[in-house]
Amino acid sequence: MFVRIVPTRPWHVDRSARTAALKDAVSWDRPVLVAQYDADGRFIGLSFVDAPGKMDLPEGNVVLFWIDRRNLWPNCEQETLKP
């Protein structure tokens, strides 16, 4: 099976405001996962975001992933935000 990694991320992050603007490519089939970790790298929680628009990002270390929900494969590289 062939996996195609899309080079561009479907979001724009404003690091100073800790917000992300999700583009129209985000959908139920291709959601963005927002993973939150504490300062020691321990996993805190995960959210699936399946609609475009602006969102506030949680405090702490955050990693954004864009996946294909059918097989959980990544569609692009992740982005990590640190406080």
N, C-alpha and C. Protein backbone atom coordinates (compact mmCIF):
# COMPACT_ATOMS: atom_id res chain seq x y z
N MET A 1 0.83 -1.17 0.00
CA MET A 1 0.00 0.00 0.00
C MET A 1 0.89 1.24 0.00
N PHE A 2 0.50 2.27 -0.70
CA PHE A 2 1.26 3.50 -0.85
C PHE A 2 0.74 4.57 0.10
N VAL A 3 1.63 5.22 0.82
CA VAL A 3 1.27 6.31 1.72
C VAL A 3 1.86 7.59 1.17
N ARG A 4 1.02 8.60 1.00
CA ARG A 4 1.50 9.88 0.51
C ARG A 4 1.50 10.88 1.66
N ILE A 5 2.65 11.43 1.95
CA ILE A 5 2.77 12.45 2.98
C ILE A 5 2.63 13.82 2.31
N VAL A 6 1.64 14.57 2.76
CA VAL A 6 1.41 15.91 2.22
C VAL A 6 2.40 16.86 2.90
N PRO A 7 3.18 17.62 2.14
CA PRO A 7 4.22 18.43 2.75
C PRO A 7 3.72 19.63 3.56
N THR A 8 2.54 20.12 3.26
CA THR A 8 2.07 21.30 3.98
C THR A 8 1.08 20.91 5.06
N ARG A 9 1.16 21.59 6.16
CA ARG A 9 0.26 21.32 7.28
C ARG A 9 -1.05 22.08 7.08
N PRO A 10 -2.17 21.52 7.50
CA PRO A 10 -3.45 22.20 7.30
C PRO A 10 -3.79 23.16 8.44
N TRP A 11 -2.78 23.78 9.00
CA TRP A 11 -2.99 24.74 10.07
C TRP A 11 -1.91 25.81 10.03
N HIS A 12 -2.23 26.92 10.67
CA HIS A 12 -1.24 27.98 10.90
C HIS A 12 -1.29 28.26 12.40
N VAL A 13 -0.14 28.20 13.04
CA VAL A 13 -0.06 28.38 14.49
C VAL A 13 0.48 29.77 14.81
N ASP A 14 -0.23 30.47 15.69
CA ASP A 14 0.26 31.73 16.26
C ASP A 14 0.81 31.36 17.63
N ARG A 15 2.13 31.22 17.70
CA ARG A 15 2.76 30.73 18.93
C ARG A 15 2.59 31.70 20.10
N SER A 16 2.61 33.00 19.85
CA SER A 16 2.48 33.95 20.95
C SER A 16 1.07 33.95 21.54
N ALA A 17 0.06 33.74 20.72
CA ALA A 17 -1.32 33.70 21.21
C ALA A 17 -1.77 32.28 21.57
N ARG A 18 -0.95 31.27 21.23
CA ARG A 18 -1.28 29.86 21.44
C ARG A 18 -2.62 29.50 20.81
N THR A 19 -2.75 29.88 19.53
CA THR A 19 -3.94 29.53 18.76
C THR A 19 -3.51 28.86 17.46
N ALA A 20 -4.43 28.11 16.88
CA ALA A 20 -4.19 27.48 15.59
C ALA A 20 -5.39 27.75 14.70
N ALA A 21 -5.13 28.15 13.46
CA ALA A 21 -6.18 28.32 12.46
C ALA A 21 -6.14 27.09 11.57
N LEU A 22 -7.20 26.28 11.63
CA LEU A 22 -7.27 25.05 10.86
C LEU A 22 -7.91 25.33 9.50
N LYS A 23 -7.28 24.85 8.44
CA LYS A 23 -7.73 25.09 7.08
C LYS A 23 -8.84 24.12 6.68
N ASP A 24 -9.41 24.35 5.49
CA ASP A 24 -10.54 23.54 5.00
C ASP A 24 -10.20 22.08 4.77
N ALA A 25 -8.93 21.72 4.70
CA ALA A 25 -8.54 20.32 4.49
C ALA A 25 -8.88 19.45 5.69
N VAL A 26 -9.12 20.07 6.85
CA VAL A 26 -9.47 19.33 8.06
C VAL A 26 -10.94 18.91 7.96
N SER A 27 -11.20 17.63 8.19
CA SER A 27 -12.57 17.11 8.10
C SER A 27 -12.72 15.91 9.03
N TRP A 28 -13.91 15.30 9.03
CA TRP A 28 -14.12 14.13 9.87
C TRP A 28 -13.17 13.01 9.46
N ASP A 29 -12.97 12.83 8.16
CA ASP A 29 -12.07 11.78 7.65
C ASP A 29 -10.60 12.09 7.88
N ARG A 30 -10.27 13.38 7.99
CA ARG A 30 -8.87 13.80 8.13
C ARG A 30 -8.75 14.85 9.24
N PRO A 31 -8.91 14.41 10.49
CA PRO A 31 -8.87 15.35 11.61
C PRO A 31 -7.45 15.70 12.04
N VAL A 32 -7.36 16.74 12.83
CA VAL A 32 -6.11 17.11 13.50
C VAL A 32 -6.20 16.56 14.91
N LEU A 33 -5.14 15.90 15.34
CA LEU A 33 -5.05 15.42 16.72
C LEU A 33 -4.20 16.42 17.49
N VAL A 34 -4.69 16.81 18.65
CA VAL A 34 -3.98 17.73 19.53
C VAL A 34 -3.60 16.95 20.78
N ALA A 35 -2.33 16.62 20.90
CA ALA A 35 -1.84 15.85 22.06
C ALA A 35 -1.17 16.81 23.03
N GLN A 36 -1.45 16.62 24.31
CA GLN A 36 -0.90 17.49 25.34
C GLN A 36 -0.03 16.66 26.28
N TYR A 37 1.14 17.22 26.62
CA TYR A 37 2.11 16.56 27.50
C TYR A 37 2.52 17.52 28.60
N ASP A 38 2.90 16.97 29.76
CA ASP A 38 3.40 17.84 30.83
C ASP A 38 4.88 18.15 30.60
N ALA A 39 5.47 18.90 31.51
CA ALA A 39 6.87 19.33 31.37
C ALA A 39 7.85 18.16 31.37
N ASP A 40 7.45 17.03 31.95
CA ASP A 40 8.30 15.84 31.99
C ASP A 40 8.07 14.91 30.81
N GLY A 41 7.20 15.33 29.87
CA GLY A 41 6.93 14.51 28.69
C GLY A 41 5.87 13.45 28.88
N ARG A 42 5.17 13.48 30.01
CA ARG A 42 4.10 12.51 30.24
C ARG A 42 2.83 12.96 29.53
N PHE A 43 2.17 12.01 28.91
CA PHE A 43 0.95 12.26 28.16
C PHE A 43 -0.16 12.70 29.11
N ILE A 44 -0.87 13.79 28.73
CA ILE A 44 -1.99 14.30 29.54
C ILE A 44 -3.33 14.00 28.86
N GLY A 45 -3.41 14.27 27.56
CA GLY A 45 -4.69 14.07 26.89
C GLY A 45 -4.59 14.26 25.39
N LEU A 46 -5.69 13.90 24.70
CA LEU A 46 -5.73 13.95 23.25
C LEU A 46 -7.11 14.42 22.81
N SER A 47 -7.14 15.32 21.82
CA SER A 47 -8.39 15.79 21.24
C SER A 47 -8.36 15.56 19.74
N PHE A 48 -9.51 15.16 19.18
CA PHE A 48 -9.68 15.08 17.74
C PHE A 48 -10.44 16.33 17.32
N VAL A 49 -9.91 17.10 16.38
CA VAL A 49 -10.58 18.29 15.87
C VAL A 49 -10.88 18.03 14.40
N ASP A 50 -12.18 18.03 14.05
CA ASP A 50 -12.55 17.64 12.69
C ASP A 50 -13.29 18.73 11.92
N ALA A 51 -13.08 19.97 12.30
CA ALA A 51 -13.71 21.09 11.57
C ALA A 51 -12.72 22.23 11.44
N PRO A 52 -12.73 22.90 10.28
CA PRO A 52 -11.84 24.06 10.12
C PRO A 52 -12.27 25.20 11.04
N GLY A 53 -11.34 26.10 11.30
CA GLY A 53 -11.62 27.26 12.14
C GLY A 53 -10.47 27.54 13.09
N LYS A 54 -10.68 28.52 13.95
CA LYS A 54 -9.64 28.92 14.90
C LYS A 54 -9.87 28.22 16.22
N MET A 55 -8.79 27.75 16.84
CA MET A 55 -8.91 27.09 18.14
C MET A 55 -7.80 27.55 19.07
N ASP A 56 -8.11 27.58 20.36
CA ASP A 56 -7.11 27.85 21.38
C ASP A 56 -6.39 26.55 21.68
N LEU A 57 -5.07 26.64 21.83
CA LEU A 57 -4.28 25.46 22.16
C LEU A 57 -4.08 25.37 23.66
N PRO A 58 -4.08 24.16 24.22
CA PRO A 58 -3.90 24.01 25.66
C PRO A 58 -2.51 24.45 26.11
N GLU A 59 -2.39 24.68 27.40
CA GLU A 59 -1.10 25.05 27.99
C GLU A 59 -0.17 23.85 27.99
N GLY A 60 1.11 24.11 28.15
CA GLY A 60 2.10 23.04 28.22
C GLY A 60 2.61 22.65 26.84
N ASN A 61 3.20 21.48 26.76
CA ASN A 61 3.72 20.97 25.49
C ASN A 61 2.57 20.39 24.68
N VAL A 62 2.49 20.80 23.43
CA VAL A 62 1.40 20.36 22.54
C VAL A 62 2.01 19.86 21.24
N VAL A 63 1.48 18.77 20.74
CA VAL A 63 1.89 18.25 19.44
C VAL A 63 0.65 18.13 18.57
N LEU A 64 0.73 18.70 17.36
CA LEU A 64 -0.37 18.62 16.40
C LEU A 64 -0.04 17.57 15.35
N PHE A 65 -1.00 16.71 15.07
CA PHE A 65 -0.87 15.68 14.04
C PHE A 65 -2.07 15.80 13.10
N TRP A 66 -1.89 15.54 11.84
CA TRP A 66 -2.99 15.47 10.88
C TRP A 66 -3.02 14.05 10.35
N ILE A 67 -4.12 13.35 10.57
CA ILE A 67 -4.17 11.93 10.22
C ILE A 67 -5.32 11.62 9.27
N ASP A 68 -5.25 10.45 8.70
CA ASP A 68 -6.34 9.86 7.94
C ASP A 68 -7.05 8.92 8.92
N ARG A 69 -8.28 9.21 9.25
CA ARG A 69 -9.00 8.47 10.29
C ARG A 69 -9.23 7.00 9.90
N ARG A 70 -9.31 6.71 8.62
CA ARG A 70 -9.59 5.34 8.19
C ARG A 70 -8.46 4.38 8.57
N ASN A 71 -7.21 4.85 8.52
CA ASN A 71 -6.09 3.95 8.81
C ASN A 71 -5.09 4.56 9.80
N LEU A 72 -5.38 5.76 10.31
CA LEU A 72 -4.55 6.47 11.29
C LEU A 72 -3.15 6.78 10.80
N TRP A 73 -2.99 6.89 9.49
CA TRP A 73 -1.69 7.28 8.92
C TRP A 73 -1.57 8.79 8.92
N PRO A 74 -0.34 9.30 9.09
CA PRO A 74 -0.14 10.76 9.05
C PRO A 74 -0.28 11.29 7.63
N ASN A 75 -0.80 12.51 7.53
CA ASN A 75 -0.91 13.21 6.25
C ASN A 75 0.21 14.23 6.07
N CYS A 76 0.89 14.59 7.14
CA CYS A 76 2.00 15.53 7.07
C CYS A 76 2.84 15.37 8.34
N GLU A 77 3.91 16.12 8.42
CA GLU A 77 4.74 16.09 9.62
C GLU A 77 4.01 16.73 10.78
N GLN A 78 4.31 16.28 11.97
CA GLN A 78 3.75 16.85 13.18
C GLN A 78 4.36 18.23 13.45
N GLU A 79 3.72 18.98 14.34
CA GLU A 79 4.31 20.24 14.81
C GLU A 79 4.24 20.25 16.33
N THR A 80 5.36 20.59 16.96
CA THR A 80 5.45 20.61 18.41
C THR A 80 5.53 22.04 18.90
N LEU A 81 4.74 22.36 19.94
CA LEU A 81 4.76 23.68 20.56
C LEU A 81 5.13 23.50 22.01
N LYS A 82 6.08 24.26 22.44
CA LYS A 82 6.50 24.23 23.85
C LYS A 82 6.18 25.57 24.48
N PRO A 83 5.94 25.58 25.79
CA PRO A 83 5.59 26.85 26.46
C PRO A 83 6.72 27.87 26.40
